[in-house]
Amino acid sequence: MRAYSAMVKRILLHRGESVLSIHNNKILLEHYEQILFISTNRVKVVTDAAEIEFVGEHIQVLALEKNELLMEGILSQVRFQHVQ
């Protein structure tokens, strides 16, 4: 999945590195620690700094690696809740 990491929107930092990239209905999440929930309209994960929830339609996982998750779908919301 590394070849896909040159996406347009890069959001949230993890020790100086991007965590979330969004481009053309594709979402790359890097450095996540745990997946809490996955469905076709909601995905919730935990990083070292926040819980991130994706809400939308037709969400599906394209690739899953140790600390990278590639999804596609139509997003309506991305919610961040910082954890301590």
Protein backbone atom coordinates (compact mmCIF):
# COMPACT_ATOMS: atom_id res chain seq x y z
CA MET A 1 0.00 0.00 0.00
CA ARG A 2 2.96 2.35 0.27
CA ALA A 3 2.69 3.29 -3.43
CA TYR A 4 -0.75 4.74 -2.69
CA SER A 5 0.48 7.04 0.09
CA ALA A 6 1.04 10.03 -2.24
CA MET A 7 -2.58 11.16 -1.81
CA VAL A 8 -3.90 14.69 -1.81
CA LYS A 9 -5.45 15.32 1.63
CA ARG A 10 -3.17 14.46 4.56
CA ILE A 11 -4.66 14.91 8.03
CA LEU A 12 -3.55 14.48 11.66
CA LEU A 13 0.00 13.87 12.69
CA HIS A 14 1.49 10.89 14.45
CA ARG A 15 5.02 11.65 15.63
CA GLY A 16 5.50 13.93 12.63
CA GLU A 17 3.90 11.55 10.11
CA SER A 18 0.50 11.67 8.40
CA VAL A 19 -2.17 9.35 9.70
CA LEU A 20 -5.14 9.92 7.40
CA SER A 21 -5.12 10.51 3.64
CA ILE A 22 -8.24 10.96 1.51
CA HIS A 23 -8.36 11.11 -2.30
CA ASN A 24 -11.05 10.13 -4.84
CA ASN A 25 -13.23 8.27 -2.31
CA LYS A 26 -10.24 6.27 -1.08
CA ILE A 27 -9.13 6.56 2.53
CA LEU A 28 -5.70 5.45 3.76
CA LEU A 29 -5.32 5.23 7.51
CA GLU A 30 -1.79 4.71 8.80
CA HIS A 31 -0.48 4.07 12.33
CA TYR A 32 -3.78 2.86 13.75
CA GLU A 33 -3.63 0.73 16.88
CA GLN A 34 -6.99 -1.03 16.92
CA ILE A 35 -10.09 -1.41 14.76
CA LEU A 36 -13.18 -1.09 16.93
CA PHE A 37 -15.93 -1.48 14.33
CA ILE A 38 -16.34 -1.99 10.56
CA SER A 39 -19.58 -1.95 8.55
CA THR A 40 -20.67 -0.64 5.14
CA ASN A 41 -21.67 2.71 6.67
CA ARG A 42 -19.33 3.14 9.66
CA VAL A 43 -15.73 2.40 10.59
CA LYS A 44 -14.20 3.26 13.97
CA VAL A 45 -10.50 2.94 14.83
CA VAL A 46 -8.11 4.00 17.58
CA THR A 47 -4.74 5.70 17.04
CA ASP A 48 -2.33 6.73 19.77
CA ALA A 49 -3.93 10.20 19.91
CA ALA A 50 -7.58 9.79 18.90
CA GLU A 51 -10.57 7.62 18.12
CA ILE A 52 -11.50 8.22 14.49
CA GLU A 53 -14.95 7.38 13.16
CA PHE A 54 -15.81 7.37 9.44
CA VAL A 55 -19.51 7.64 8.55
CA GLY A 56 -20.82 7.27 5.01
CA GLU A 57 -22.10 4.83 2.42
CA HIS A 58 -20.69 1.81 0.62
CA ILE A 59 -17.54 1.71 2.77
CA GLN A 60 -15.42 -1.33 2.07
CA VAL A 61 -11.92 -2.40 3.06
CA LEU A 62 -9.59 -2.74 0.08
CA ALA A 63 -6.43 -3.70 1.98
CA LEU A 64 -5.52 -4.35 5.59
CA GLU A 65 -1.98 -4.54 6.92
CA LYS A 66 -0.38 -4.45 10.34
CA ASN A 67 -0.83 -0.70 10.81
CA GLU A 68 -2.40 0.47 7.52
CA LEU A 69 -6.01 0.31 6.41
CA LEU A 70 -7.14 1.22 2.88
CA MET A 71 -10.87 1.79 2.38
CA GLU A 72 -13.14 3.27 -0.24
CA GLY A 73 -16.62 4.69 -0.04
CA ILE A 74 -18.65 7.86 0.10
CA LEU A 75 -17.86 9.72 3.33
CA SER A 76 -20.33 12.09 4.94
CA GLN A 77 -18.42 12.60 8.20
CA VAL A 78 -15.06 11.99 9.80
CA ARG A 79 -15.13 12.41 13.59
CA PHE A 80 -12.05 12.77 15.77
CA GLN A 81 -12.16 12.30 19.52
CA HIS A 82 -8.82 12.82 21.24
CA VAL A 83 -7.82 10.25 23.83
CA GLN A 84 -5.34 10.71 26.64
